[in-house]
Protein backbone atom coordinates (compact mmCIF):
# COMPACT_ATOMS: atom_id res chain seq x y z
CA MET A 1 -0.05 -0.10 -0.41
CA GLU A 2 1.04 3.18 -0.93
CA VAL A 3 0.79 6.23 0.64
CA LEU A 4 1.06 9.62 0.45
CA GLY A 5 2.33 11.96 3.54
CA ILE A 6 1.60 15.97 3.17
CA ILE A 7 2.43 18.51 6.28
CA PRO A 8 0.70 21.52 5.55
CA ALA A 9 2.43 24.46 6.69
CA ARG A 10 1.23 28.10 7.12
CA TYR A 11 3.55 30.87 8.30
CA ALA A 12 0.64 33.28 9.48
CA SER A 13 -0.56 32.41 12.89
CA THR A 14 -2.46 34.61 15.58
CA ARG A 15 -1.00 32.76 18.55
CA PHE A 16 2.71 32.39 17.03
CA PRO A 17 3.24 33.88 13.44
CA GLY A 18 6.42 32.29 12.07
CA LYS A 19 5.70 28.87 13.72
CA PRO A 20 6.95 26.68 11.25
CA LEU A 21 10.52 28.09 11.46
CA THR A 22 11.05 28.45 14.41
CA ASP A 23 14.36 26.52 16.02
CA ILE A 24 14.51 23.72 18.44
CA ASN A 25 17.74 22.97 19.93
CA GLY A 26 19.03 23.44 15.97
CA LYS A 27 16.57 22.53 13.87
CA SER A 28 13.49 23.98 12.76
CA MET A 29 10.15 22.63 13.69
CA ILE A 30 9.07 22.11 10.27
CA GLN A 31 12.23 19.76 9.90
CA ARG A 32 11.88 17.87 13.12
CA VAL A 33 8.29 16.67 11.39
CA TYR A 34 9.32 15.99 8.04
CA ASP A 35 12.44 14.15 9.32
CA GLN A 36 9.87 12.17 11.50
CA ALA A 37 7.62 11.53 8.47
CA LYS A 38 10.42 10.41 6.44
CA SER A 39 11.16 7.86 9.00
CA SER A 40 7.65 5.95 8.52
CA SER A 41 6.40 3.44 5.93
CA LEU A 42 4.89 6.42 4.24
CA LYS A 43 5.74 6.42 0.22
CA GLU A 44 6.42 9.79 0.33
CA VAL A 45 6.38 13.31 2.18
CA ILE A 46 6.03 16.64 0.63
CA VAL A 47 5.33 19.87 2.65
CA ALA A 48 2.20 22.24 1.51
CA THR A 49 2.99 25.83 2.11
CA ASP A 50 1.53 29.53 1.50
CA ASP A 51 4.35 31.08 1.95
CA ALA A 52 8.18 31.74 0.42
CA ARG A 53 10.21 31.61 3.12
CA ILE A 54 8.84 27.87 4.10
CA PHE A 55 9.74 27.02 0.58
CA ASP A 56 12.61 27.68 0.26
CA HIS A 57 13.74 26.75 4.19
CA VAL A 58 12.11 23.03 2.94
CA GLN A 59 14.38 23.04 -0.09
CA GLY A 60 17.71 24.06 1.44
CA PHE A 61 17.19 21.19 4.13
CA GLY A 62 17.14 18.98 0.75
CA GLY A 63 13.31 18.21 1.70
CA LYS A 64 9.73 17.92 -0.88
CA VAL A 65 7.57 21.14 -0.96
CA VAL A 66 5.25 22.48 -2.94
CA MET A 67 3.46 26.01 -2.77
CA THR A 68 -0.36 26.53 -1.95
CA ALA A 69 -3.01 28.98 -2.29
CA GLU A 70 -3.14 31.56 1.23
CA HIS A 71 -7.26 31.26 1.22
CA HIS A 72 -7.48 27.96 2.66
CA GLN A 73 -9.50 27.56 6.10
CA SER A 74 -7.98 24.38 7.28
CA GLY A 75 -4.96 21.49 7.03
CA THR A 76 -7.22 19.50 5.14
CA ASP A 77 -7.95 21.86 1.77
CA ARG A 78 -4.61 22.29 1.82
CA CYS A 79 -3.36 18.56 1.95
CA PHE A 80 -5.86 18.09 -1.02
CA GLU A 81 -4.81 21.22 -3.44
CA ALA A 82 -1.11 19.55 -2.66
CA TYR A 83 -2.28 16.50 -4.10
CA GLN A 84 -3.70 17.48 -6.47
CA GLN A 85 -0.62 18.77 -7.99
CA PHE A 86 0.77 15.35 -8.18
CA ASP A 87 0.95 12.95 -11.34
CA GLN A 88 1.44 9.86 -9.80
CA PRO A 89 -2.13 8.91 -7.79
CA TYR A 90 -2.62 7.60 -4.47
CA GLU A 91 -5.29 6.23 -2.99
CA TYR A 92 -4.42 6.88 0.81
CA ILE A 93 -3.41 10.54 2.12
CA ILE A 94 -1.76 11.07 5.54
CA ASN A 95 -2.36 14.67 6.96
CA ILE A 96 0.76 15.52 9.98
CA GLN A 97 0.53 18.74 11.49
CA GLY A 98 3.34 20.69 11.14
CA ASP A 99 3.09 21.64 15.14
CA GLU A 100 4.04 18.07 16.13
CA PRO A 101 8.02 17.98 16.14
CA PHE A 102 7.97 15.05 18.18
CA ILE A 103 5.21 12.99 16.46
CA ARG A 104 6.49 8.76 15.98
CA PRO A 105 7.12 7.26 13.00
CA GLU A 106 5.46 4.87 14.66
CA GLN A 107 2.02 7.10 15.08
CA ILE A 108 1.97 7.42 11.39
CA ASP A 109 1.84 3.65 10.58
CA LEU A 110 -0.99 3.04 13.06
CA VAL A 111 -3.18 5.74 10.68
CA VAL A 112 -2.02 3.67 7.65
CA SER A 113 -2.98 0.80 9.21
CA CYS A 114 -5.93 1.60 8.94
CA PHE A 115 -7.48 1.10 5.75
CA LYS A 116 -6.30 -2.31 5.28
CA ASP A 117 -9.68 -2.39 6.04
CA SER A 118 -11.14 -1.34 2.70
CA ARG A 119 -14.46 0.09 4.45
CA THR A 120 -12.20 2.96 6.31
CA GLN A 121 -12.90 6.12 4.88
CA LEU A 122 -11.05 8.58 7.53
CA ALA A 123 -8.48 7.47 9.99
CA THR A 124 -7.19 9.12 13.40
CA LEU A 125 -5.75 8.83 16.36
CA ILE A 126 -6.59 8.41 19.76
CA LYS A 127 -4.84 8.49 23.25
CA LYS A 128 -6.73 7.22 26.73
CA VAL A 129 -7.26 10.24 28.85
CA GLU A 130 -4.62 10.27 32.15
CA THR A 131 -5.75 12.83 34.57
CA ALA A 132 -8.19 15.39 35.06
CA GLU A 133 -6.28 17.92 34.29
CA GLU A 134 -6.26 16.82 30.61
CA LEU A 135 -10.08 16.12 30.73
CA PHE A 136 -11.37 19.38 30.84
CA ASN A 137 -8.39 21.10 29.43
CA VAL A 138 -10.43 22.78 25.86
CA ASN A 139 -7.48 22.45 23.78
CA SER A 140 -7.83 19.18 24.22
CA PRO A 141 -10.72 17.44 22.12
CA LYS A 142 -12.35 14.03 23.20
CA VAL A 143 -14.21 12.18 21.25
CA VAL A 144 -16.69 9.20 22.26
CA LEU A 145 -16.58 6.05 19.92
CA ASN A 146 -19.16 2.92 18.51
CA LYS A 147 -18.15 -0.50 19.31
CA ALA A 148 -16.15 -0.84 16.20
CA GLN A 149 -14.06 2.04 17.07
CA GLU A 150 -15.24 4.71 14.56
CA ALA A 151 -15.58 8.60 16.03
CA LEU A 152 -19.59 8.91 17.61
CA TYR A 153 -18.75 12.80 18.14
CA PHE A 154 -15.72 15.30 18.98
CA SER A 155 -15.57 18.03 21.63
CA ARG A 156 -13.73 20.11 23.74
CA GLN A 157 -15.48 19.34 26.28
CA PRO A 158 -15.65 15.84 28.36
CA ILE A 159 -17.98 13.43 27.30
CA PRO A 160 -19.82 11.79 28.57
CA TYR A 161 -21.06 13.41 31.43
CA CYS A 162 -20.09 11.29 34.87
CA ARG A 163 -23.61 11.68 36.73
CA ASN A 164 -23.38 11.77 40.61
CA VAL A 165 -19.38 11.88 40.38
CA PRO A 166 -17.25 14.59 41.26
CA ASN A 167 -15.01 16.28 38.01
CA ASP A 168 -11.75 15.49 39.61
CA ILE A 169 -12.42 11.32 39.16
CA TRP A 170 -14.38 11.32 36.13
CA HIS A 171 -11.45 9.60 34.20
CA LYS A 172 -11.66 6.84 36.91
CA GLN A 173 -14.88 6.14 36.34
CA HIS A 174 -15.00 5.84 32.98
CA THR A 175 -12.54 5.36 30.24
CA TYR A 176 -12.27 9.10 28.27
CA TYR A 177 -10.29 9.06 25.37
CA LYS A 178 -8.60 12.61 23.67
CA HIS A 179 -8.09 12.92 19.80
CA ILE A 180 -4.57 13.33 18.27
CA GLY A 181 -4.42 15.58 15.33
CA ILE A 182 -3.31 13.05 12.53
CA TYR A 183 -5.39 12.11 9.90
CA GLY A 184 -5.79 9.67 7.45
CA TYR A 185 -7.76 9.71 4.19
CA ARG A 186 -8.93 7.73 1.32
CA ALA A 187 -8.29 10.04 -1.74
CA ASP A 188 -11.78 9.78 -3.04
CA ILE A 189 -13.20 11.00 0.28
CA LEU A 190 -10.84 13.62 0.73
CA GLU A 191 -12.11 15.40 -2.68
CA GLN A 192 -15.45 14.56 -1.40
CA ILE A 193 -15.31 16.50 2.41
CA THR A 194 -13.31 19.44 0.91
CA GLN A 195 -16.90 20.71 -0.72
CA LEU A 196 -18.69 20.37 2.27
CA PRO A 197 -19.77 24.20 3.38
CA PRO A 198 -18.60 24.95 7.22
CA SER A 199 -21.55 22.46 9.69
CA ALA A 200 -23.15 23.94 12.72
CA LEU A 201 -21.88 21.59 15.25
CA GLU A 202 -18.37 22.38 13.32
CA LEU A 203 -18.49 26.34 14.15
CA ALA A 204 -19.63 25.47 17.43
CA GLU A 205 -16.44 23.30 18.42
CA SER A 206 -14.19 24.77 16.09
CA LEU A 207 -13.52 21.20 15.14
CA GLU A 208 -13.53 20.61 11.47
CA GLN A 209 -14.07 17.06 11.73
CA LEU A 210 -17.35 17.05 12.75
CA ARG A 211 -18.37 18.53 9.64
CA TRP A 212 -17.15 15.22 8.23
CA LEU A 213 -19.26 12.98 11.37
CA GLU A 214 -22.93 15.85 10.51
CA ASN A 215 -22.61 14.64 6.92
CA GLY A 216 -22.44 10.68 6.97
CA PHE A 217 -18.85 10.41 6.68
CA ARG A 218 -17.15 7.71 8.90
CA ILE A 219 -13.61 7.89 10.87
CA THR A 220 -11.84 5.15 12.00
CA THR A 221 -9.74 5.64 15.05
CA ALA A 222 -6.67 3.56 16.17
CA THR A 223 -5.49 3.67 19.82
CA THR A 224 -2.19 5.11 19.97
CA THR A 225 -0.03 5.18 23.77
CA PHE A 226 2.49 7.52 22.84
CA GLU A 227 1.85 11.36 23.83
CA THR A 228 2.04 14.11 21.34
CA VAL A 229 3.57 17.78 22.20
CA GLY A 230 2.16 20.64 19.86
CA ILE A 231 3.67 23.93 19.96
CA ASP A 232 0.05 26.52 19.34
CA THR A 233 2.37 29.30 21.50
CA PRO A 234 6.11 30.66 22.03
CA GLU A 235 5.31 29.24 25.88
CA ASP A 236 4.63 25.65 24.52
CA LEU A 237 8.13 26.03 22.53
CA GLU A 238 9.88 26.73 25.78
CA LYS A 239 8.51 23.52 27.46
CA VAL A 240 9.46 21.53 24.17
CA ARG A 241 12.95 22.95 24.41
CA ASN A 242 13.65 20.73 27.63
CA LEU A 243 12.43 17.57 25.32
C-alpha cells in the first residue's frame, strides 16, 4: 500500500507567527516533523505551504515542498490542493500536523494501518485520558466511540457527562479518549469532504472533523499510547525545548 504524507505549514498564525521555522535545539520545527514522517512507512512526504520562506527553507534542507493558496481555512483543504499537484495518484493520504515535532513514525504507521480495512474512509488517532487536567482542557478535544471504534462525536468538553461523580475522578470512573491531530484520508473521500460547507457543529466547537461526521462520513480511530506535544504558542515552545 503506497501512501502519501502531506505536512501543511502556514507562516501566518494568530498566536505564533512563523511557527514552522522556529528553532528547536538546532533544527526547525518543520524539519523535525518532516524527518519523523520520512522515518515512517510513507512512500513519499511533502510539505504544503503558502509562504516562500517556508518553501525555500524546506528545499534548503533537501525536503520536498509545494506551494499552495493562502485562502485555505484548514489543513485538509491545503492537503487536497497539494495532492492535486501530483502526477502520480495515491489512494491514501496522511495529514501530519506541522506543529507536532515529536510525532512518532509508529503513530503515522498506525494511521496507515487503518486502511487495511477497505471500508475505512477517514482515520485518526486517539489516546486514553490519564488525568482530570487533560480531560477538562478545552484545547484537547475528546472523542466518544461506537463499538466498531469509529468516532461518534468530538468535543472540547468532557463527554460523556459522569453523573453523580466528582469532576476530579471522572477519568477513573469512565474510559475517556482524547484526539491526536493526525488524519488519514482515502483520496476520493478527501475530495468529497473538501467540497462540504462548514457545518453547525463544526462552527460551534471549532473542530473541522465534526463537518465530516455531520455529513455522514465515518472516522475510524486507532489507539496510541504515545503522547504527542503540539506547539501552539511561544510558551509551548519553551516547554518542549527541554525535551
